[in-house]
Protein backbone atom coordinates (compact mmCIF):
# COMPACT_ATOMS: atom_id res chain seq x y z
CA MET A 1 13.80 111.22 -29.42
CA PRO A 2 13.03 107.94 -28.36
CA GLN A 3 14.41 105.01 -30.30
CA LEU A 4 11.19 103.95 -32.35
CA ALA A 5 10.29 108.04 -33.25
CA THR A 6 14.36 108.23 -34.94
CA ASP A 7 13.83 105.06 -36.47
CA THR A 8 10.24 105.74 -38.17
CA PHE A 9 12.08 109.57 -38.61
CA VAL A 10 15.00 107.80 -40.38
CA GLU A 11 12.93 104.88 -42.31
CA CYS A 12 11.06 107.90 -43.76
CA MET A 13 14.25 110.16 -44.70
CA GLY A 14 15.25 106.56 -47.37
CA TYR A 15 11.87 106.16 -48.21
CA ALA A 16 11.70 110.25 -49.36
CA ALA A 17 15.43 109.81 -50.42
CA SER A 18 14.38 106.65 -52.96
CA ALA A 19 11.41 108.66 -54.15
CA LEU A 20 14.02 111.45 -55.41
CA VAL A 21 15.84 108.60 -57.32
CA LEU A 22 13.20 107.41 -58.89
CA ALA A 23 11.88 111.40 -59.78
CA THR A 24 15.31 111.22 -61.84
CA PHE A 25 14.36 108.90 -63.84
CA CYS A 26 10.74 110.41 -64.73
CA PHE A 27 12.81 113.74 -66.59
CA SER A 28 13.99 114.28 -69.97
CA ASP A 29 15.84 117.71 -69.26
CA PRO A 30 18.65 116.92 -68.25
CA VAL A 31 19.11 120.07 -66.18
CA ARG A 32 15.55 118.71 -63.77
CA LEU A 33 17.53 115.36 -63.65
CA ARG A 34 21.24 116.39 -62.22
CA LEU A 35 18.78 118.91 -59.53
CA PHE A 36 16.74 116.30 -58.59
CA ALA A 37 20.02 113.78 -58.42
CA LEU A 38 21.44 116.36 -55.85
CA LEU A 39 18.67 116.37 -54.23
CA SER A 40 18.55 112.92 -53.44
CA ASN A 41 22.49 113.09 -52.97
CA VAL A 42 21.81 115.13 -49.98
CA ALA A 43 17.98 113.14 -48.98
CA PHE A 44 20.83 109.94 -48.85
CA ILE A 45 23.71 111.90 -47.28
CA ALA A 46 21.54 112.72 -44.28
CA PHE A 47 19.82 109.44 -44.19
CA GLY A 48 23.27 107.54 -44.48
CA TYR A 49 24.53 109.73 -41.23
CA PHE A 50 21.25 109.85 -39.20
CA GLY A 51 21.17 105.83 -39.81
CA SER A 52 24.20 105.09 -39.27
CA ILE A 53 24.50 103.39 -42.69
CA HIS A 54 28.21 104.99 -43.80
CA PRO A 55 28.87 103.26 -47.30
CA VAL A 56 25.44 104.89 -48.73
CA MET A 57 26.31 108.45 -47.03
CA PHE A 58 30.24 108.04 -48.70
CA LEU A 59 28.94 107.18 -51.57
CA HIS A 60 26.55 109.91 -52.01
CA ILE A 61 29.46 112.62 -51.05
CA ILE A 62 31.34 111.19 -53.70
CA LEU A 63 28.15 111.72 -55.94
CA VAL A 64 27.66 115.55 -55.03
CA PRO A 65 30.67 116.88 -56.97
CA ILE A 66 30.20 114.30 -59.88
CA ASN A 67 26.13 115.96 -60.35
CA GLY A 68 27.41 119.17 -59.65
CA PHE A 69 30.04 119.56 -62.14
CA HIS A 70 27.68 118.31 -64.83
CA LEU A 71 25.20 120.69 -63.65
CA MET A 72 27.33 123.35 -64.27
CA LYS A 73 28.18 122.18 -67.97
CA LEU A 74 24.89 122.02 -68.39
CA LEU A 75 24.05 125.45 -67.21
CA SER A 76 27.05 126.85 -68.77
CA PRO A 77 26.88 129.84 -71.61
CA THR A 78 29.14 128.19 -73.70
CA ARG A 79 26.87 124.87 -74.38
CA ARG A 80 24.11 127.24 -74.41
CA LEU A 81 25.87 128.80 -77.14
CA ARG A 82 27.24 125.70 -79.21
CA ASP A 83 23.70 124.26 -78.80
CA ARG A 84 22.03 127.47 -80.12
CA PRO A 85 22.26 126.57 -83.61
CA LYS A 86 20.97 123.25 -83.10
CA LEU A 87 17.70 124.48 -81.49
CA CYS A 88 17.34 127.05 -84.22
CA ARG A 89 17.14 124.20 -86.66
CA ILE A 90 14.76 122.23 -84.77
CA ALA A 91 12.61 125.38 -83.78
CA GLN A 92 12.03 126.57 -87.93
CA HIS A 93 9.90 122.98 -88.15
CA ILE A 94 8.32 124.25 -85.47
CA SER A 95 6.82 127.83 -85.51
CA PRO A 96 7.87 131.53 -85.57
CA GLN A 97 7.24 132.26 -81.54
CA ALA A 98 9.76 129.23 -81.19
CA ILE A 99 12.63 130.53 -83.42
CA ARG A 100 12.21 134.00 -81.45
CA GLU A 101 12.63 132.22 -78.31
CA GLN A 102 15.93 130.79 -79.27
CA ARG A 103 16.77 133.83 -80.90
CA CYS A 104 18.19 132.55 -83.75
CA ASP A 105 17.42 136.29 -85.94
CA ARG A 106 20.24 136.79 -83.13
CA LEU A 107 22.79 134.39 -85.08
CA ALA A 108 26.23 135.38 -86.34
């Protein structure tokens, strides 16, 4: 690839990675936030590699397992079971359908 095309490609990767970081600030759902954070980490790793910006690349290599760990905690069945009573108390104020969706009738 010619140098100008490579520079443009790397610059576009940087903008795409930045847009993914911006998107993480738009989510209130922690699972989506962590998913987009992981996507932005991967995008910044590629940007750092292809743009020879090693500090950016190394930072996001370190952030991948951190975001992955927190995402796995959010998705763990233990957390869902622990949070279910709180969700059921909230669901009682919303609607009968919300109670069914949270399976509140199955709580011991």
